[in-house]
Amino acid sequence: MVTMVFIGCSEKQDTVNTENTENTERAAWTINVEGVNDDSAQFTSIDAEKVGMVAIKATMKKKDGTTKEQEWEGISLKEALKYLGVEEFSTVVVEASDGYSKEYTPELVNIEGTILGLKVDGNEIDEEDGPLQLVVDGKGSNW
């Protein structure tokens, strides 16, 4: 089975009704996911609490070739997809709020160093960059 998943994030939403929650609940953020069993779904901050946070050290490559190690906290992308019932896929295409997109192989999605980052070095992501960022250990910020 081949499933293609597209992810985009919208900032604050007043109410969200997802397949994963019985009631309409308040969510700080929502990720719209398309291609889940030929349908769409939403992964919210409320769902993220249920999945649980992980902490990783990620080495981020800069444009000039140097690297910077950061401590990130967030939700494993692999676990977020599992939560939505996605376990087999050929690619995951992630689209940022500005329309930039990047394609991820199953190998990149499944490593522990690929997360939906909420905090970096103990601080929440600032409003300009947030509410979350996809983090891939060993890759640049454009990943």
Protein backbone atom coordinates (compact mmCIF):
# COMPACT_ATOMS: atom_id res chain seq x y z
CA MET A 1 0.00 0.00 0.00
CA VAL A 2 1.33 3.42 -0.92
CA THR A 3 0.06 6.49 0.86
CA MET A 4 1.22 10.01 0.20
CA VAL A 5 0.84 12.45 3.07
CA PHE A 6 0.91 16.22 2.81
CA ILE A 7 1.37 18.24 5.96
CA GLY A 8 0.77 21.93 6.48
CA CYS A 9 0.46 23.80 9.71
CA SER A 10 -1.88 26.59 10.62
CA GLU A 11 -1.39 28.65 13.69
CA LYS A 12 -4.04 29.25 16.30
CA GLN A 13 -7.47 27.76 15.72
CA ASP A 14 -10.44 28.47 17.93
CA THR A 15 -11.99 25.02 17.73
CA VAL A 16 -10.95 21.80 16.07
CA ASN A 17 -12.95 18.65 15.55
CA THR A 18 -10.72 15.71 14.61
CA GLU A 19 -11.34 12.03 13.98
CA ASN A 20 -9.09 11.36 16.97
CA THR A 21 -11.20 13.24 19.50
CA GLU A 22 -14.85 12.63 20.30
CA ASN A 23 -15.62 16.23 21.23
CA THR A 24 -14.81 19.60 19.73
CA GLU A 25 -11.85 20.88 21.74
CA ARG A 26 -9.62 23.92 21.80
CA ALA A 27 -6.25 23.53 20.11
CA ALA A 28 -3.30 25.93 19.99
CA TRP A 29 -2.28 24.64 16.53
CA THR A 30 -3.43 22.26 13.84
CA ILE A 31 -1.60 20.32 11.14
CA ASN A 32 -3.74 19.39 8.16
CA VAL A 33 -2.79 15.99 6.80
CA GLU A 34 -4.01 14.86 3.37
CA GLY A 35 -3.80 11.38 1.87
CA VAL A 36 -4.56 9.46 5.06
CA ASN A 37 -6.43 6.39 3.80
CA ASP A 38 -7.63 8.47 0.81
CA ASP A 39 -9.01 11.11 3.18
CA SER A 40 -7.73 14.02 5.25
CA ALA A 41 -7.15 14.33 8.96
CA GLN A 42 -5.90 16.83 11.48
CA PHE A 43 -3.18 16.49 14.10
CA THR A 44 -3.53 19.11 16.82
CA SER A 45 -1.73 20.27 19.93
CA ILE A 46 -4.29 18.22 21.86
CA ASP A 47 -3.30 15.08 19.93
CA ALA A 48 0.36 15.92 20.53
CA GLU A 49 -0.23 15.81 24.29
CA LYS A 50 -1.64 12.31 23.91
CA VAL A 51 1.32 11.12 21.82
CA GLY A 52 3.86 12.66 24.19
CA MET A 53 6.99 14.74 23.80
CA VAL A 54 10.49 13.55 23.05
CA ALA A 55 13.80 15.35 23.52
CA ILE A 56 16.61 15.13 20.97
CA LYS A 57 19.94 16.75 20.26
CA ALA A 58 19.99 17.82 16.63
CA THR A 59 22.95 19.06 14.64
CA MET A 60 21.70 21.69 12.24
CA LYS A 61 23.72 22.51 9.14
CA LYS A 62 24.01 26.17 8.23
CA LYS A 63 24.25 27.59 4.72
CA ASP A 64 27.96 28.36 5.21
CA GLY A 65 28.71 24.69 5.97
CA THR A 66 29.14 25.09 9.73
CA THR A 67 26.98 23.18 12.19
CA LYS A 68 25.18 24.06 15.39
CA GLU A 69 23.95 21.55 17.97
CA GLN A 70 20.58 22.32 19.51
CA GLU A 71 18.36 20.61 22.06
CA TRP A 72 14.83 20.19 20.75
CA GLU A 73 11.60 19.02 22.37
CA GLY A 74 8.62 17.95 20.30
CA ILE A 75 6.65 15.11 18.84
CA SER A 76 8.19 12.33 16.78
CA LEU A 77 6.91 12.68 13.20
CA LYS A 78 6.75 8.89 12.97
CA GLU A 79 4.57 8.71 16.10
CA ALA A 80 2.30 11.54 14.91
CA LEU A 81 1.68 9.64 11.67
CA LYS A 82 1.07 6.39 13.57
CA TYR A 83 -1.44 8.21 15.76
CA LEU A 84 -3.33 9.12 12.58
CA GLY A 85 -3.20 5.50 11.37
CA VAL A 86 -0.44 6.02 8.79
CA GLU A 87 2.13 3.24 9.03
CA GLU A 88 3.00 2.59 5.38
CA PHE A 89 3.90 5.33 2.92
CA SER A 90 6.25 5.98 0.04
CA THR A 91 6.87 9.66 0.79
CA VAL A 92 5.77 12.41 3.11
CA VAL A 93 5.58 15.87 1.61
CA VAL A 94 5.73 18.60 4.23
CA GLU A 95 4.47 22.05 3.32
CA ALA A 96 5.32 25.06 5.48
CA SER A 97 2.89 27.89 6.12
CA ASP A 98 4.74 29.99 3.51
CA GLY A 99 4.14 27.35 0.81
CA TYR A 100 7.70 25.91 0.77
CA SER A 101 7.60 22.12 0.62
CA LYS A 102 10.06 19.28 1.02
CA GLU A 103 9.73 15.56 0.33
CA TYR A 104 10.81 13.05 2.99
CA THR A 105 11.68 9.41 2.49
CA PRO A 106 10.41 6.78 4.94
CA GLU A 107 14.00 6.49 6.23
CA LEU A 108 14.06 10.19 7.21
CA VAL A 109 10.59 10.08 8.75
CA ASN A 110 11.41 6.99 10.83
CA ILE A 111 14.64 8.18 12.47
CA GLU A 112 14.47 9.40 16.06
CA GLY A 113 15.97 12.73 14.99
CA THR A 114 12.90 13.77 12.94
CA ILE A 115 10.40 15.61 15.10
CA LEU A 116 7.77 18.31 15.07
CA GLY A 117 9.76 20.69 17.26
CA LEU A 118 8.00 22.88 19.81
CA LYS A 119 10.95 24.01 21.92
CA VAL A 120 14.59 24.68 21.11
CA ASP A 121 17.22 24.95 23.83
CA GLY A 122 14.45 25.11 26.45
CA ASN A 123 12.52 27.96 24.81
CA GLU A 124 9.27 27.80 22.87
CA ILE A 125 9.66 28.64 19.21
CA ASP A 126 9.05 32.33 18.67
CA GLU A 127 5.84 33.50 17.01
CA GLU A 128 7.61 34.34 13.74
CA ASP A 129 8.93 30.78 13.33
CA GLY A 130 6.13 28.92 15.07
CA PRO A 131 4.05 27.38 16.33
CA LEU A 132 6.27 24.41 15.48
CA GLN A 133 9.10 23.44 13.15
CA LEU A 134 9.99 20.18 11.51
CA VAL A 135 13.46 19.21 12.71
CA VAL A 136 15.68 16.64 11.00
CA ASP A 137 18.95 15.87 12.75
CA GLY A 138 21.94 16.53 10.52
CA LYS A 139 19.98 18.63 8.01
CA GLY A 140 19.61 22.35 7.49
CA SER A 141 16.69 24.48 8.56
CA ASN A 142 15.16 24.21 5.08
CA TRP A 143 14.45 20.54 5.83
